[in-house]
Amino acid sequence: MNLYGLIGYPLGHSFSKKYFNDKFETEGLEDCFFDLFPIANIAAFPDLLHANPSLKGLAVTIPYKQAIIPYLQKMSEAAINIGAVNCIKMEGGLLTGYNTDVIGFEKSFAPLLQPHHTQALVLGTGGASKAVQYVLKICGIPFLLVSRVAENKSNTVAYTDVDEAMLKDYSIIINCSPVGMSPNENEKPAIPYEFISSKHFLYDLVYKPEATLFLKEGIKKGSIVKNGYDMLILQAEENWRIWNEPVVDALR
């Protein structure tokens, strides 16, 4: 059996198991199976590998996209530059880390950009945020990070710093935090939505619910809005491609 899976904690919200097992059934891949591996501590990762010798690849989600790195033997150039991994290929006893969030975000985000979308606020500073920052740099879009605490050295402002003037200058707002994700659907990032307009582009990496409160605020104002579902599909398909091809772009 060729086993694939997802590690993270918790994993109750994940769509991956159904997505991949449906894919395997549709494509007649009877020797392939996808499972969820919720681990409460990354220190349990070696035991997980030992208990599942048929593993060929893993997807990685919150909160381990950065914590997984010390357990890898090689990483792709993008994963090294970003400092976060969401895909692991297992081949010849080596664990190679990749970041396919980059592919998923860029392909779902870039087509919706308008000429006036010139600067971005990135809400959250975790592993997914790092992939978004990488894409923004590629696209030549200046950005500010928004976190609970401002950090001048890291270009980070606090949520309380976001005001009317800032939202006038930053017409792209990307939620990279889990705020608003099911089952906490009644939450939204703490920004002043009264200053959102039709010139804004709100992108939420959360895909469940389909329209978070964050996106609904944009919809009210006629903003361009996009959730993370297409990003999820695109990165999942890129994971599958990597798991089934020889190790490429592995530098370390």
Protein backbone atom coordinates (compact mmCIF):
# COMPACT_ATOMS: atom_id res chain seq x y z
CA MET A 1 0.00 0.00 0.00
CA ASN A 2 1.12 3.53 -0.78
CA LEU A 3 0.10 5.65 2.19
CA TYR A 4 -0.18 9.44 2.19
CA GLY A 5 -1.44 11.71 4.91
CA LEU A 6 -1.75 15.02 6.69
CA ILE A 7 -0.10 16.01 9.96
CA GLY A 8 -1.24 18.90 12.15
CA TYR A 9 -3.31 19.53 15.24
CA PRO A 10 -6.25 19.54 15.40
CA LEU A 11 -7.40 18.12 12.06
CA GLY A 12 -11.17 18.06 12.40
CA HIS A 13 -11.57 20.79 9.77
CA SER A 14 -9.46 19.12 7.08
CA PHE A 15 -10.84 18.22 3.65
CA SER A 16 -7.70 16.35 2.56
CA LYS A 17 -8.66 12.77 3.42
CA LYS A 18 -11.89 12.83 1.41
CA TYR A 19 -10.31 14.77 -1.44
CA PHE A 20 -7.43 12.38 -1.96
CA ASN A 21 -9.31 9.14 -1.33
CA ASP A 22 -12.00 10.27 -3.81
CA LYS A 23 -9.19 11.05 -6.26
CA PHE A 24 -7.67 7.60 -5.77
CA GLU A 25 -11.04 5.93 -6.35
CA THR A 26 -11.80 8.01 -9.45
CA GLU A 27 -8.38 7.30 -10.96
CA GLY A 28 -8.46 3.60 -10.05
CA LEU A 29 -5.45 3.80 -7.72
CA GLU A 30 -6.39 0.84 -5.54
CA ASP A 31 -3.01 0.68 -3.78
CA CYS A 32 -3.17 4.30 -2.54
CA PHE A 33 -4.76 5.56 0.65
CA PHE A 34 -4.78 8.91 2.48
CA ASP A 35 -5.20 9.27 6.24
CA LEU A 36 -5.13 12.00 8.91
CA PHE A 37 -2.42 12.01 11.56
CA PRO A 38 -3.25 14.50 14.32
CA ILE A 39 -0.24 14.80 16.62
CA ALA A 40 -0.43 17.03 19.69
CA ASN A 41 3.33 17.61 19.69
CA ILE A 42 5.83 17.63 16.82
CA ALA A 43 8.12 15.47 18.97
CA ALA A 44 5.79 12.57 18.12
CA PHE A 45 6.72 12.81 14.43
CA PRO A 46 9.51 10.16 14.47
CA ASP A 47 7.18 7.67 16.15
CA LEU A 48 4.57 8.39 13.48
CA LEU A 49 7.07 7.54 10.75
CA HIS A 50 8.15 4.36 12.52
CA ALA A 51 4.55 3.21 12.94
CA ASN A 52 3.70 3.86 9.26
CA PRO A 53 6.53 2.50 7.07
CA SER A 54 4.35 2.61 3.93
CA LEU A 55 4.18 6.44 4.01
CA LYS A 56 5.22 8.00 0.71
CA GLY A 57 4.22 11.60 1.34
CA LEU A 58 2.75 13.96 3.91
CA ALA A 59 0.98 17.27 3.79
CA VAL A 60 1.69 19.57 6.74
CA THR A 61 -0.72 22.07 8.27
CA ILE A 62 -1.11 24.25 11.38
CA PRO A 63 0.84 24.39 13.65
CA TYR A 64 3.79 22.45 12.19
CA LYS A 65 4.79 24.15 8.93
CA GLN A 66 7.87 25.58 10.62
CA ALA A 67 8.37 23.08 13.45
CA ILE A 68 8.72 20.19 10.98
CA ILE A 69 11.90 21.60 9.38
CA PRO A 70 14.47 20.09 11.80
CA TYR A 71 13.16 16.61 10.93
CA LEU A 72 13.90 16.97 7.20
CA GLN A 73 17.07 16.05 5.33
CA LYS A 74 16.44 18.24 2.27
CA MET A 75 14.32 21.25 1.31
CA SER A 76 13.37 22.96 -1.91
CA GLU A 77 14.66 26.44 -2.67
CA ALA A 78 11.22 27.97 -2.09
CA ALA A 79 10.80 26.18 1.24
CA ILE A 80 14.23 27.37 2.39
CA ASN A 81 13.51 30.96 1.41
CA ILE A 82 10.07 30.92 3.01
CA GLY A 83 11.07 29.04 6.14
CA ALA A 84 7.96 26.87 6.08
CA VAL A 85 7.02 23.46 4.66
CA ASN A 86 3.59 22.08 3.81
CA CYS A 87 4.60 19.05 1.73
CA ILE A 88 7.02 16.21 2.49
CA LYS A 89 8.22 13.64 -0.02
CA MET A 90 9.64 10.38 1.30
CA GLU A 91 12.04 8.58 -0.99
CA GLY A 92 15.08 6.43 -0.37
CA GLY A 93 14.96 7.08 3.35
CA LEU A 94 15.15 10.86 2.81
CA LEU A 95 12.51 13.39 3.82
CA THR A 96 12.38 16.37 1.46
CA GLY A 97 10.30 19.43 2.28
CA TYR A 98 8.49 21.65 -0.22
CA ASN A 99 6.16 24.62 -0.02
CA THR A 100 3.22 24.23 -2.39
CA ASP A 101 1.17 26.96 -0.68
CA VAL A 102 3.16 29.28 -2.96
CA ILE A 103 1.73 27.68 -6.11
CA GLY A 104 -1.79 27.56 -4.71
CA PHE A 105 -1.81 31.16 -3.54
CA GLU A 106 -0.16 32.71 -6.59
CA LYS A 107 -2.40 30.96 -9.13
CA SER A 108 -5.60 31.83 -7.23
CA PHE A 109 -4.59 35.35 -6.20
CA ALA A 110 -2.76 36.97 -9.11
CA PRO A 111 -5.56 36.73 -11.75
CA LEU A 112 -7.85 38.92 -9.60
CA LEU A 113 -5.40 41.80 -9.12
CA GLN A 114 -6.43 45.19 -10.48
CA PRO A 115 -4.08 48.09 -11.33
CA HIS A 116 -5.01 49.94 -8.12
CA HIS A 117 -4.13 46.92 -5.96
CA THR A 118 -0.62 48.09 -5.17
CA GLN A 119 -0.02 47.38 -1.45
CA ALA A 120 -1.12 44.62 0.91
CA LEU A 121 -1.85 44.05 4.57
CA VAL A 122 -1.07 40.46 5.57
CA LEU A 123 -3.00 39.40 8.67
CA GLY A 124 -1.01 36.81 10.59
CA THR A 125 2.64 35.78 10.65
CA GLY A 126 2.59 31.96 10.69
CA GLY A 127 3.70 29.43 8.09
CA ALA A 128 0.95 30.19 5.57
CA SER A 129 1.68 33.89 5.91
CA LYS A 130 5.30 33.27 4.97
CA ALA A 131 4.23 31.69 1.67
CA VAL A 132 1.94 34.65 0.96
CA GLN A 133 4.78 37.08 1.68
CA TYR A 134 7.01 35.16 -0.74
CA VAL A 135 4.42 35.50 -3.53
CA LEU A 136 3.87 39.20 -2.83
CA LYS A 137 7.61 39.77 -3.18
CA ILE A 138 7.61 37.91 -6.51
CA CYS A 139 4.68 40.05 -7.68
CA GLY A 140 6.43 43.25 -6.57
CA ILE A 141 3.67 44.16 -4.10
CA PRO A 142 4.87 45.96 -0.92
CA PHE A 143 3.19 44.72 2.25
CA LEU A 144 2.86 45.17 5.99
CA LEU A 145 2.35 42.31 8.42
CA VAL A 146 -0.41 42.68 11.00
CA SER A 147 -0.08 40.85 14.30
CA ARG A 148 -1.15 41.22 17.91
CA VAL A 149 2.08 43.05 18.70
CA ALA A 150 3.93 45.56 16.51
CA GLU A 151 7.58 44.80 15.64
CA ASN A 152 9.41 47.57 13.80
CA LYS A 153 12.33 45.36 12.83
CA SER A 154 10.06 42.90 11.02
CA ASN A 155 7.76 45.36 9.25
CA THR A 156 4.91 44.35 11.55
CA VAL A 157 2.12 46.54 12.90
CA ALA A 158 -0.47 45.72 15.53
CA TYR A 159 -4.16 45.26 14.72
CA THR A 160 -4.81 48.41 16.73
CA ASP A 161 -2.59 50.35 14.31
CA VAL A 162 -4.83 49.61 11.32
CA ASP A 163 -6.88 52.76 10.69
CA GLU A 164 -8.66 54.65 7.91
CA ALA A 165 -5.44 56.11 6.48
CA MET A 166 -3.76 52.71 6.35
CA LEU A 167 -6.72 51.06 4.64
CA LYS A 168 -6.77 53.85 2.08
CA ASP A 169 -3.16 53.05 1.15
CA TYR A 170 -3.38 49.26 1.43
CA SER A 171 -6.10 48.02 -0.90
CA ILE A 172 -5.24 44.30 -0.57
CA ILE A 173 -6.02 42.54 2.71
CA ILE A 174 -5.05 38.89 3.08
CA ASN A 175 -6.16 36.89 6.11
CA CYS A 176 -3.50 34.26 6.84
CA SER A 177 -4.75 33.60 10.37
CA PRO A 178 -7.26 30.89 11.35
CA VAL A 179 -9.66 33.55 12.70
CA GLY A 180 -13.12 32.86 11.31
CA MET A 181 -12.45 29.22 10.49
CA SER A 182 -15.18 26.69 11.33
CA PRO A 183 -16.27 26.04 14.05
CA ASN A 184 -15.41 29.63 15.09
CA GLU A 185 -17.48 31.14 12.31
CA ASN A 186 -18.62 34.12 14.38
CA GLU A 187 -15.12 35.60 14.54
CA LYS A 188 -13.27 37.92 12.18
CA PRO A 189 -9.91 39.72 12.21
CA ALA A 190 -10.05 42.91 14.29
CA ILE A 191 -9.71 45.61 11.64
CA PRO A 192 -11.97 48.67 11.05
CA TYR A 193 -14.25 47.31 8.31
CA GLU A 194 -16.13 50.61 8.03
CA PHE A 195 -13.21 51.88 5.93
CA ILE A 196 -13.32 49.00 3.42
CA SER A 197 -14.49 50.02 -0.05
CA SER A 198 -15.15 48.64 -3.51
CA LYS A 199 -11.49 49.28 -4.32
CA HIS A 200 -10.34 46.64 -1.86
CA PHE A 201 -9.42 43.02 -2.53
CA LEU A 202 -10.04 40.72 0.45
CA TYR A 203 -8.47 37.26 0.27
CA ASP A 204 -9.07 34.75 3.06
CA LEU A 205 -6.95 31.59 3.23
CA VAL A 206 -9.80 30.06 5.25
CA TYR A 207 -12.09 27.97 3.02
CA LYS A 208 -14.66 26.75 5.54
CA PRO A 209 -17.08 28.47 5.83
CA GLU A 210 -17.17 29.46 2.17
CA ALA A 211 -17.84 33.09 3.10
CA THR A 212 -16.23 34.06 6.39
CA LEU A 213 -17.32 37.16 8.28
CA PHE A 214 -14.13 38.77 6.97
CA LEU A 215 -15.20 38.17 3.36
CA LYS A 216 -18.82 39.12 4.07
CA GLU A 217 -17.60 42.56 5.16
CA GLY A 218 -15.93 42.94 1.77
CA ILE A 219 -19.01 41.69 -0.06
CA LYS A 220 -21.10 44.38 1.67
CA LYS A 221 -18.79 47.06 0.27
CA GLY A 222 -18.49 45.62 -3.23
CA SER A 223 -14.88 44.53 -2.77
CA ILE A 224 -13.26 41.73 -4.74
CA VAL A 225 -13.27 38.70 -2.44
CA LYS A 226 -11.71 35.24 -2.64
CA ASN A 227 -11.59 32.35 -0.18
CA GLY A 228 -8.88 29.71 0.13
CA TYR A 229 -10.64 26.78 -1.54
CA ASP A 230 -8.99 27.08 -4.95
CA MET A 231 -5.63 27.58 -3.25
CA LEU A 232 -6.24 24.36 -1.33
CA ILE A 233 -7.03 22.39 -4.50
CA LEU A 234 -4.04 23.79 -6.37
CA GLN A 235 -1.58 23.01 -3.59
CA ALA A 236 -3.05 19.53 -3.11
CA GLU A 237 -2.53 18.73 -6.78
CA GLU A 238 1.01 20.09 -6.60
CA ASN A 239 1.63 17.85 -3.57
CA TRP A 240 0.46 14.86 -5.61
CA ARG A 241 2.76 15.78 -8.47
CA ILE A 242 5.74 16.04 -6.11
CA TRP A 243 4.94 12.76 -4.36
CA ASN A 244 4.98 10.97 -7.70
CA GLU A 245 8.07 12.48 -9.31
CA PRO A 246 11.78 12.18 -8.44
CA VAL A 247 13.11 14.63 -5.88
CA VAL A 248 13.66 17.98 -7.60
CA ASP A 249 14.92 21.38 -6.47
CA ALA A 250 16.26 19.95 -3.20
CA LEU A 251 19.15 22.00 -1.93
CA ARG A 252 19.73 20.98 1.62
